[in-house]
Amino acid sequence: MSDVEHKFFTLDDFNLRDRTVLVRVDINSPMDPRSGRILDDHRIRRHLETIRDLDKAKVVLLAHQSRPGKDDYTTLDEHAIRLSQLLGKRVEYVDGLFDSHVRTKIRNMKAGDKILLENTRFYAEETALTGEPNWYKHQRTHIVRNLAPLIDFFVHDAFAAAHRAQPSLIGFAEVVPNLAGRVMQKELEDMGRVFREDGHPRIIVLGGTKIDDSMEVAEHMLKHDNIDTVLTTGLMGQVLLMASGIDLGPGSTDFIKREFTDHEELISRGKNMLEQWGERIKMPLDVALNVDGERRNVSLDGLPSEHTIFDIGLETIRDYTRDLRDAKLIIVNGPAGVFEREDFSIGTTELFRAVAHSRGFSIIGGGHSVAVVEKLDIEDEIDHISTGGGSCISFLSGKPMPGVEALERSKNIFGKGPFQSR
C-alpha cells in the first residue's frame, strides 16, 4: 500500500471480495499473423499483480488487440490461454462484449472466477468516440449501458491507453466507482515524482526518431522548471544541431528532409528552444558516422559530411555520463542512435548503463527504450519502466489524460458514496 495521497481510488480503498469487478487492461501484444500465437507476453505479465489482488472477486477483463486493417487484429482467445498459464488459474475467453450470452455469463460468475471478453475494437463505438471526452456520450454507449448494471466497480489498469478517450476506458467514470489498478497506480505515483519532488540536478535524455514528441516534452518541462538539463541524442540532437547553425551535410540532412515533411518547422522550433533555454539544453559534441557500414567518430568540426550520423560520439558519451552520474532524477525516452546495429549501439548502451548505475530515481519510457533495457538486462536497476509510449509522452508533456481524468472524476462523484471501505 502506498503512502502517496491520491486524487483517485485504488484497490486498497474497498473490500472487493465477492464483488463483480470490470478490469480494463492493456494486453495488446505482438502476434504471429500466420499462427496467431503471442510472440511477447510482457504487457500481459504487467497486469498479473492487479488480477491476483482481485482473486476473491468476480473478475471481468476488458481489453483490445491491435486495430482494424492490421495483421494482428484478432480475437483474445490466445490472450486468455496465456493469462491462464501465467496465473495458474483458468481465465475463460468469452466471444462477445455485451451480447446476451456474455451478460448471462457475468451474472452466473462466482467469487474467484475470471473471464476475458472480446476485443473491444471489434465494436465501432469503441473507436468512433475520440478526441475530447464527452462523458455523456461515452456513458450512453452500448458497451457501458449493457455492462454497467452487472458490475460493482470498474478498475482502470491500462495506463498505456490512458491518453485515449474511448468508452471502455472512460465510459464508466460516472456510473460506478472507478479504481486505479496496480499498473496505473504505480505509473502515476512514480512518474508523478517528476512534478512532485525537489531533488537536483534533474535530467531528461531525449533521443529516438519522434522529434515532435521529444520537443513537446522538453518545452513543457523546461517551461515549468520540472527539469534542469536536457541531454539530446538521436534525431532530436541532430535537428537541434541544425537549429544552432551547424551543417550536418547531405548524408543526415537529406535523411531528415525525407523523413519529416515539417523539417523546417522542427528546425524553427528548435531555434526558439535554444533561444529560450539554450543554457539548459545540451547537444552532441561529436557524432559517429556510418561510413560503408563502419563507425567513424568525428567532431563537429568534421562536418558537413556525405555520410549519415548513426550515433553520438565518444566525447559526448563521456560528457553525458558524467552528468547522469550525479543526477537525482533521470528520465530517458528514446535511444541515442541506431542501437540495433552493434557498431552504433555504443551511445545508447553507455547512457543506459550510466542511468542504471546512477543513484538518482530513474524513469524509462517508450517502446524502443524498454527494448534497450531488456536487451541490456538492467530492468532491476531502473526504478520505473513505463508501460506506455504515447501515454508516457502525454503525461510528461502535460497533455490531457482522459483515463486519469476519469479516475479523478469518479472519485469526486463517489467519494462519499455508500461503499464498503477497508
Protein backbone atom coordinates (compact mmCIF):
# COMPACT_ATOMS: atom_id res chain seq x y z
CA MET A 1 0.00 0.00 0.00
CA SER A 2 1.39 3.39 -0.98
CA ASP A 3 1.54 6.35 1.38
CA VAL A 4 1.07 8.80 -1.51
CA GLU A 5 -2.13 10.83 -1.27
CA HIS A 6 -4.18 10.09 -4.36
CA LYS A 7 -6.80 12.01 -6.30
CA PHE A 8 -8.26 8.65 -7.33
CA PHE A 9 -9.45 5.41 -5.74
CA THR A 10 -7.12 2.38 -5.62
CA LEU A 11 -7.71 -1.31 -4.92
CA ASP A 12 -6.84 -0.61 -1.28
CA ASP A 13 -9.84 1.67 -0.76
CA PHE A 14 -12.57 -1.00 -0.91
CA ASN A 15 -13.37 -4.52 0.14
CA LEU A 16 -13.76 -6.17 -3.27
CA ARG A 17 -14.40 -9.71 -2.04
CA ASP A 18 -17.36 -11.31 -3.87
CA ARG A 19 -17.86 -8.12 -5.90
CA THR A 20 -18.10 -8.09 -9.69
CA VAL A 21 -15.20 -6.02 -10.97
CA LEU A 22 -14.71 -4.97 -14.59
CA VAL A 23 -10.97 -4.53 -15.22
CA ARG A 24 -9.68 -2.66 -18.28
CA VAL A 25 -6.20 -3.93 -19.08
CA ASP A 26 -3.80 -3.28 -21.95
CA ILE A 27 -2.57 -6.68 -23.14
CA ASN A 28 -2.14 -5.60 -26.76
CA SER A 29 0.71 -7.92 -27.76
CA PRO A 30 2.91 -8.69 -30.78
CA MET A 31 1.43 -11.71 -32.57
CA ASP A 32 2.48 -14.02 -35.37
CA PRO A 33 -0.04 -13.27 -38.17
CA ARG A 34 0.25 -16.83 -39.52
CA SER A 35 -0.10 -18.91 -36.37
CA GLY A 36 -1.95 -16.36 -34.24
CA ARG A 37 0.47 -17.05 -31.39
CA ILE A 38 1.56 -14.37 -28.97
CA LEU A 39 5.23 -13.53 -29.53
CA ASP A 40 5.84 -11.41 -26.42
CA ASP A 41 3.73 -11.55 -23.24
CA HIS A 42 5.47 -8.63 -21.48
CA ARG A 43 2.33 -6.48 -21.32
CA ILE A 44 0.23 -9.39 -20.10
CA ARG A 45 2.65 -10.05 -17.24
CA ARG A 46 2.42 -6.44 -16.11
CA HIS A 47 -1.23 -6.92 -15.09
CA LEU A 48 -0.78 -10.11 -13.09
CA GLU A 49 -0.44 -8.26 -9.77
CA THR A 50 -3.75 -6.46 -10.27
CA ILE A 51 -5.57 -9.66 -11.21
CA ARG A 52 -4.05 -11.58 -8.30
CA ASP A 53 -5.07 -8.84 -5.86
CA LEU A 54 -8.65 -9.36 -7.09
CA ASP A 55 -8.53 -13.12 -6.53
CA LYS A 56 -11.58 -13.13 -4.24
CA ALA A 57 -13.65 -11.03 -6.63
CA LYS A 58 -15.54 -11.92 -9.81
CA VAL A 59 -13.15 -10.53 -12.43
CA VAL A 60 -14.31 -9.49 -15.90
CA LEU A 61 -11.40 -8.44 -18.10
CA LEU A 62 -11.77 -5.92 -20.89
CA ALA A 63 -9.02 -5.39 -23.48
CA HIS A 64 -8.15 -4.61 -27.10
CA GLN A 65 -5.75 -6.11 -29.62
CA SER A 66 -4.31 -4.02 -32.47
CA ARG A 67 -6.69 -2.11 -34.77
CA PRO A 68 -8.74 -2.76 -37.93
CA GLY A 69 -6.63 -3.48 -41.01
CA LYS A 70 -3.61 -4.82 -39.12
CA ASP A 71 -2.40 -8.42 -39.43
CA ASP A 72 -2.59 -8.90 -35.65
CA TYR A 73 -6.15 -7.57 -35.33
CA THR A 74 -7.71 -10.67 -33.83
CA THR A 75 -9.75 -12.22 -31.06
CA LEU A 76 -8.47 -12.54 -27.49
CA ASP A 77 -8.69 -16.31 -27.10
CA GLU A 78 -4.88 -16.70 -27.17
CA HIS A 79 -4.58 -13.96 -24.55
CA ALA A 80 -6.92 -15.90 -22.24
CA ILE A 81 -4.79 -19.03 -22.69
CA ARG A 82 -1.58 -17.14 -21.87
CA LEU A 83 -3.19 -15.42 -18.86
CA SER A 84 -4.34 -18.80 -17.56
CA GLN A 85 -0.81 -20.18 -17.89
CA LEU A 86 0.77 -17.22 -16.12
CA LEU A 87 -1.78 -17.06 -13.30
CA GLY A 88 -2.01 -20.82 -12.79
CA LYS A 89 -5.79 -20.37 -12.83
CA ARG A 90 -8.33 -20.52 -15.62
CA VAL A 91 -9.24 -17.34 -17.43
CA GLU A 92 -12.18 -18.12 -19.68
CA TYR A 93 -12.42 -16.39 -23.06
CA VAL A 94 -15.94 -15.25 -23.92
CA ASP A 95 -16.59 -14.48 -27.60
CA GLY A 96 -18.62 -11.32 -27.13
CA LEU A 97 -18.61 -7.98 -25.35
CA PHE A 98 -22.14 -7.14 -24.27
CA ASP A 99 -24.23 -9.83 -26.01
CA SER A 100 -26.93 -11.68 -24.04
CA HIS A 101 -24.75 -14.77 -23.51
CA VAL A 102 -21.99 -12.52 -22.13
CA ARG A 103 -24.35 -10.87 -19.69
CA THR A 104 -25.65 -14.27 -18.58
CA LYS A 105 -22.08 -15.47 -18.05
CA ILE A 106 -21.29 -12.44 -15.86
CA ARG A 107 -24.46 -12.88 -13.76
CA ASN A 108 -23.58 -16.53 -13.08
CA MET A 109 -19.97 -15.86 -12.00
CA LYS A 110 -18.74 -16.93 -8.58
CA ALA A 111 -16.01 -15.37 -6.44
CA GLY A 112 -12.62 -16.26 -7.90
CA ASP A 113 -13.93 -16.65 -11.48
CA LYS A 114 -12.11 -14.78 -14.23
CA ILE A 115 -13.31 -14.17 -17.77
CA LEU A 116 -11.87 -12.21 -20.68
CA LEU A 117 -14.34 -10.54 -23.04
CA GLU A 118 -13.87 -9.98 -26.76
CA ASN A 119 -11.56 -7.39 -28.37
CA THR A 120 -13.22 -4.05 -27.64
CA ARG A 121 -12.09 -2.69 -31.01
CA PHE A 122 -14.32 -5.18 -32.82
CA TYR A 123 -17.11 -2.72 -31.95
CA ALA A 124 -17.34 0.55 -33.89
CA GLU A 125 -18.37 2.75 -30.98
CA GLU A 126 -15.07 1.98 -29.21
CA THR A 127 -13.05 3.84 -31.84
CA ALA A 128 -15.73 6.22 -33.13
CA LEU A 129 -15.73 8.36 -29.98
CA THR A 130 -12.32 10.04 -29.91
CA GLY A 131 -10.90 13.46 -29.14
CA GLU A 132 -12.14 15.43 -26.14
CA PRO A 133 -14.03 13.29 -23.60
CA ASN A 134 -17.79 13.63 -23.86
CA TRP A 135 -18.80 11.92 -20.65
CA TYR A 136 -22.49 11.68 -21.50
CA LYS A 137 -21.90 10.16 -24.96
CA HIS A 138 -19.44 7.59 -23.62
CA GLN A 139 -21.82 6.70 -20.82
CA ARG A 140 -24.63 6.13 -23.34
CA THR A 141 -22.72 3.64 -25.50
CA HIS A 142 -23.90 0.03 -25.75
CA ILE A 143 -20.69 -1.12 -24.08
CA VAL A 144 -21.36 0.88 -20.94
CA ARG A 145 -25.15 0.59 -20.81
CA ASN A 146 -25.04 -3.20 -21.10
CA LEU A 147 -22.12 -3.91 -18.75
CA ALA A 148 -22.56 -1.25 -16.06
CA PRO A 149 -25.69 -2.80 -14.44
CA LEU A 150 -23.76 -6.05 -13.94
CA ILE A 151 -20.70 -4.68 -12.14
CA ASP A 152 -19.93 -3.10 -8.77
CA PHE A 153 -16.59 -1.48 -9.64
CA PHE A 154 -14.51 -0.57 -12.68
CA VAL A 155 -10.73 -0.91 -12.44
CA HIS A 156 -8.62 1.09 -14.90
CA ASP A 157 -5.24 -0.60 -15.26
CA ALA A 158 -4.49 0.35 -18.89
CA PHE A 159 -2.06 3.23 -18.44
CA ALA A 160 -0.68 2.63 -21.94
CA ALA A 161 -4.09 3.68 -23.31
CA ALA A 162 -4.86 6.37 -20.71
CA HIS A 163 -4.24 9.15 -23.23
CA ARG A 164 -7.24 7.94 -25.26
CA ALA A 165 -10.91 8.80 -24.76
CA GLN A 166 -12.82 5.59 -25.55
CA PRO A 167 -15.90 4.05 -23.91
CA SER A 168 -14.09 1.04 -22.45
CA LEU A 169 -11.56 3.40 -20.85
CA ILE A 170 -13.62 6.33 -19.53
CA GLY A 171 -17.28 5.45 -20.06
CA PHE A 172 -17.84 4.02 -16.57
CA ALA A 173 -16.49 7.03 -14.66
CA GLU A 174 -19.89 8.43 -13.66
CA VAL A 175 -21.72 5.09 -13.40
CA VAL A 176 -19.73 3.06 -10.86
CA PRO A 177 -16.67 3.82 -8.73
CA ASN A 178 -13.51 3.73 -10.86
CA LEU A 179 -10.32 2.43 -9.23
CA ALA A 180 -6.73 2.51 -10.42
CA GLY A 181 -5.20 -0.94 -10.82
CA ARG A 182 -1.63 -1.66 -9.73
CA VAL A 183 -0.09 -0.79 -13.11
CA MET A 184 -1.95 2.51 -13.30
CA GLN A 185 -1.25 3.34 -9.66
CA LYS A 186 2.50 2.72 -10.00
CA GLU A 187 2.74 4.70 -13.23
CA LEU A 188 1.02 7.74 -11.74
CA GLU A 189 2.95 7.56 -8.46
CA ASP A 190 6.39 7.05 -9.98
CA MET A 191 6.07 9.42 -12.91
CA GLY A 192 4.37 11.92 -10.65
CA ARG A 193 7.69 12.24 -8.82
CA VAL A 194 8.89 14.32 -11.77
CA PHE A 195 6.47 17.07 -10.75
CA ARG A 196 6.39 16.38 -7.01
CA GLU A 197 9.96 16.16 -5.75
CA ASP A 198 12.63 18.85 -5.47
CA GLY A 199 15.94 16.96 -5.71
CA HIS A 200 18.50 18.37 -8.15
CA PRO A 201 20.01 18.01 -10.67
CA ARG A 202 17.08 16.67 -12.69
CA ILE A 203 17.95 15.42 -16.17
CA ILE A 204 15.98 14.19 -19.16
CA VAL A 205 17.62 12.33 -22.04
CA LEU A 206 15.69 12.65 -25.30
CA GLY A 207 16.51 10.67 -28.41
CA GLY A 208 14.91 8.30 -30.86
CA THR A 209 13.09 9.33 -34.03
CA LYS A 210 9.95 11.04 -32.70
CA ILE A 211 11.29 14.58 -32.75
CA ASP A 212 7.92 16.30 -32.29
CA ASP A 213 7.16 14.28 -29.15
CA SER A 214 10.62 14.98 -27.73
CA MET A 215 10.25 18.70 -28.35
CA GLU A 216 6.85 18.78 -26.64
CA VAL A 217 8.25 17.06 -23.56
CA ALA A 218 11.31 19.33 -23.44
CA GLU A 219 9.31 22.52 -23.93
CA HIS A 220 6.79 21.65 -21.23
CA MET A 221 9.33 20.54 -18.65
CA LEU A 222 11.71 23.44 -19.26
CA LYS A 223 8.89 25.97 -19.17
CA HIS A 224 7.64 24.68 -15.82
CA ASP A 225 11.14 24.09 -14.37
CA ASN A 226 10.46 20.39 -13.92
CA ILE A 227 13.89 19.64 -15.31
CA ASP A 228 17.32 21.24 -15.03
CA THR A 229 19.06 19.85 -18.10
CA VAL A 230 18.03 18.24 -21.38
CA LEU A 231 20.56 15.89 -22.98
CA THR A 232 19.71 15.50 -26.66
CA THR A 233 20.61 12.46 -28.75
CA GLY A 234 19.21 10.69 -31.81
CA LEU A 235 17.38 12.78 -34.40
CA MET A 236 16.40 15.28 -31.70
CA GLY A 237 20.08 16.10 -31.21
CA GLN A 238 20.67 16.34 -34.94
CA VAL A 239 17.80 18.77 -35.52
CA LEU A 240 18.99 20.98 -32.67
CA LEU A 241 22.50 20.99 -34.14
CA MET A 242 20.95 22.16 -37.41
CA ALA A 243 18.96 24.77 -35.49
CA SER A 244 22.19 26.04 -33.93
CA GLY A 245 23.64 26.65 -37.40
CA ILE A 246 25.72 23.51 -37.91
CA ASP A 247 25.64 21.96 -41.39
CA LEU A 248 25.43 18.20 -40.93
CA GLY A 249 25.95 17.51 -44.61
CA PRO A 250 23.77 15.73 -47.18
CA GLY A 251 24.02 12.32 -45.50
CA SER A 252 21.99 13.36 -42.46
CA THR A 253 20.22 16.46 -43.78
CA ASP A 254 18.69 14.63 -46.74
CA PHE A 255 17.50 11.84 -44.45
CA ILE A 256 15.76 14.29 -42.12
CA LYS A 257 14.15 16.15 -45.04
CA ARG A 258 12.97 12.84 -46.48
CA GLU A 259 11.53 11.53 -43.21
CA PHE A 260 9.95 14.74 -41.93
CA THR A 261 7.88 16.90 -44.25
CA ASP A 262 7.74 19.50 -41.46
CA HIS A 263 11.53 19.58 -41.02
CA GLU A 264 11.68 23.36 -41.50
CA GLU A 265 9.11 23.83 -38.75
CA LEU A 266 11.06 21.49 -36.47
CA ILE A 267 14.27 23.42 -37.05
CA SER A 268 12.49 26.72 -36.39
CA ARG A 269 11.03 25.27 -33.22
CA GLY A 270 14.50 24.11 -32.22
CA LYS A 271 15.86 27.65 -32.69
CA ASN A 272 13.16 29.00 -30.37
CA MET A 273 14.03 26.39 -27.76
CA LEU A 274 17.72 27.28 -27.90
CA GLU A 275 16.93 30.99 -27.64
CA GLN A 276 14.81 30.47 -24.53
CA TRP A 277 16.64 27.65 -22.74
CA GLY A 278 19.96 27.24 -24.55
CA GLU A 279 21.99 27.09 -21.35
CA ARG A 280 19.89 24.13 -20.17
CA ILE A 281 19.95 22.14 -23.41
CA LYS A 282 22.97 20.04 -24.31
CA MET A 283 23.69 18.91 -27.87
CA PRO A 284 26.17 16.30 -29.11
CA LEU A 285 29.82 17.42 -29.06
CA ASP A 286 30.74 14.82 -31.67
CA VAL A 287 29.00 12.15 -33.72
CA ALA A 288 29.52 8.70 -35.23
CA LEU A 289 29.09 8.43 -38.99
CA ASN A 290 28.15 5.34 -40.93
CA VAL A 291 30.95 5.03 -43.48
CA ASP A 292 30.24 2.00 -45.64
CA GLY A 293 28.82 0.16 -42.64
CA GLU A 294 31.63 1.04 -40.27
CA ARG A 295 31.66 3.51 -37.39
CA ARG A 296 33.75 6.67 -37.77
CA ASN A 297 33.80 9.19 -34.91
CA VAL A 298 34.14 12.83 -35.96
CA SER A 299 34.00 16.12 -34.08
CA LEU A 300 31.54 18.79 -35.14
CA ASP A 301 34.47 20.41 -36.98
CA GLY A 302 34.46 17.32 -39.20
CA LEU A 303 31.01 18.22 -40.53
CA PRO A 304 29.41 18.56 -43.03
CA SER A 305 29.67 15.01 -44.29
CA GLU A 306 28.15 12.98 -47.10
CA HIS A 307 27.77 10.12 -44.62
CA THR A 308 24.84 9.71 -42.25
CA ILE A 309 25.02 10.17 -38.47
CA PHE A 310 24.14 6.89 -36.74
CA ASP A 311 25.15 7.61 -33.13
CA ILE A 312 26.54 10.17 -30.72
CA GLY A 313 30.33 10.30 -30.44
CA LEU A 314 32.67 9.19 -27.65
CA GLU A 315 33.27 12.68 -26.25
CA THR A 316 29.51 13.21 -25.99
CA ILE A 317 29.13 9.87 -24.24
CA ARG A 318 31.76 10.85 -21.65
CA ASP A 319 30.16 14.28 -21.11
CA TYR A 320 26.62 12.95 -20.76
CA THR A 321 27.55 10.04 -18.47
CA ARG A 322 29.29 12.50 -16.10
CA ASP A 323 26.03 14.45 -15.87
CA LEU A 324 23.98 11.32 -15.26
CA ARG A 325 26.29 10.07 -12.50
CA ASP A 326 25.27 12.83 -10.07
CA ALA A 327 21.62 13.29 -11.12
CA LYS A 328 18.88 13.00 -8.50
CA LEU A 329 16.19 12.26 -11.08
CA ILE A 330 16.64 10.91 -14.63
CA ILE A 331 14.08 10.44 -17.39
CA VAL A 332 15.04 8.65 -20.63
CA ASN A 333 12.93 8.47 -23.77
CA GLY A 334 14.47 7.12 -26.94
CA PRO A 335 17.82 5.56 -27.93
CA ALA A 336 20.89 7.66 -28.78
CA GLY A 337 21.38 6.15 -32.24
CA VAL A 338 20.75 3.12 -34.44
CA PHE A 339 21.16 0.78 -31.48
CA GLU A 340 20.02 -2.27 -33.46
CA ARG A 341 23.44 -2.27 -35.19
CA GLU A 342 26.27 -3.23 -32.88
CA ASP A 343 28.80 -0.63 -34.07
CA PHE A 344 26.28 2.14 -33.48
CA SER A 345 24.81 0.89 -30.20
CA ILE A 346 27.65 2.31 -28.09
CA GLY A 347 25.98 5.63 -27.28
CA THR A 348 22.69 4.02 -26.28
CA THR A 349 24.35 1.24 -24.29
CA GLU A 350 26.68 3.52 -22.33
CA LEU A 351 24.00 6.08 -21.49
CA PHE A 352 21.52 3.44 -20.35
CA ARG A 353 24.15 1.74 -18.21
CA ALA A 354 25.04 5.11 -16.68
CA VAL A 355 21.37 5.58 -15.81
CA ALA A 356 21.24 2.11 -14.24
CA HIS A 357 24.33 2.85 -12.12
CA SER A 358 23.16 6.30 -11.06
CA ARG A 359 21.85 6.71 -7.52
CA GLY A 360 19.10 9.02 -8.75
CA PHE A 361 15.49 7.94 -9.32
CA SER A 362 15.29 6.68 -12.92
CA ILE A 363 12.34 6.55 -15.31
CA ILE A 364 12.48 4.86 -18.72
CA GLY A 365 9.69 5.36 -21.26
CA GLY A 366 8.95 4.47 -24.88
CA GLY A 367 8.92 1.12 -26.66
CA HIS A 368 12.46 1.32 -28.05
CA SER A 369 13.83 2.42 -24.68
CA VAL A 370 12.18 -0.51 -22.94
CA ALA A 371 13.65 -2.84 -25.57
CA VAL A 372 17.13 -1.49 -24.76
CA VAL A 373 16.61 -2.06 -21.04
CA GLU A 374 15.56 -5.66 -21.69
CA LYS A 375 18.46 -6.27 -24.07
CA LEU A 376 20.97 -4.99 -21.50
CA ASP A 377 19.21 -6.91 -18.70
CA ILE A 378 19.10 -3.90 -16.40
CA GLU A 379 15.39 -3.95 -15.51
CA ASP A 380 16.16 -4.44 -11.81
CA GLU A 381 18.41 -1.36 -11.81
CA ILE A 382 15.79 1.02 -13.22
CA ASP A 383 13.31 2.43 -10.72
CA HIS A 384 10.39 2.77 -13.12
CA ILE A 385 9.86 1.36 -16.61
CA SER A 386 6.72 2.87 -18.13
CA THR A 387 4.23 0.58 -19.85
CA GLY A 388 3.09 3.37 -22.16
CA GLY A 389 4.70 5.08 -25.12
CA GLY A 390 2.16 7.68 -26.19
CA SER A 391 0.68 7.91 -22.70
CA CYS A 392 4.13 8.45 -21.17
CA ILE A 393 4.81 11.27 -23.63
CA SER A 394 1.38 12.80 -22.94
CA PHE A 395 1.95 12.67 -19.18
CA LEU A 396 5.39 14.26 -19.35
CA SER A 397 4.16 16.86 -21.87
CA GLY A 398 1.35 17.95 -19.58
CA LYS A 399 -1.29 16.93 -22.11
CA PRO A 400 -4.80 15.92 -21.00
CA MET A 401 -5.03 12.28 -19.96
CA PRO A 402 -8.70 11.20 -20.28
CA GLY A 403 -8.06 7.92 -18.45
CA VAL A 404 -6.58 9.70 -15.46
CA GLU A 405 -9.23 12.42 -15.58
CA ALA A 406 -11.90 9.68 -15.49
CA LEU A 407 -10.38 8.21 -12.31
CA GLU A 408 -10.30 11.60 -10.61
CA ARG A 409 -13.79 12.45 -11.82
CA SER A 410 -15.12 9.18 -10.44
CA LYS A 411 -13.60 9.76 -7.01
CA ASN A 412 -15.18 13.21 -6.88
CA ILE A 413 -18.57 11.67 -7.65
CA PHE A 414 -18.39 8.53 -5.49
CA GLY A 415 -16.05 9.73 -2.77
CA LYS A 416 -18.83 9.96 -0.20
CA GLY A 417 -20.94 7.14 -1.56
CA PRO A 418 -22.28 4.14 0.38
CA PHE A 419 -19.41 1.80 -0.44
CA GLN A 420 -17.57 -0.68 1.74
CA SER A 421 -14.25 0.96 2.57
CA ARG A 422 -11.44 -1.09 4.03
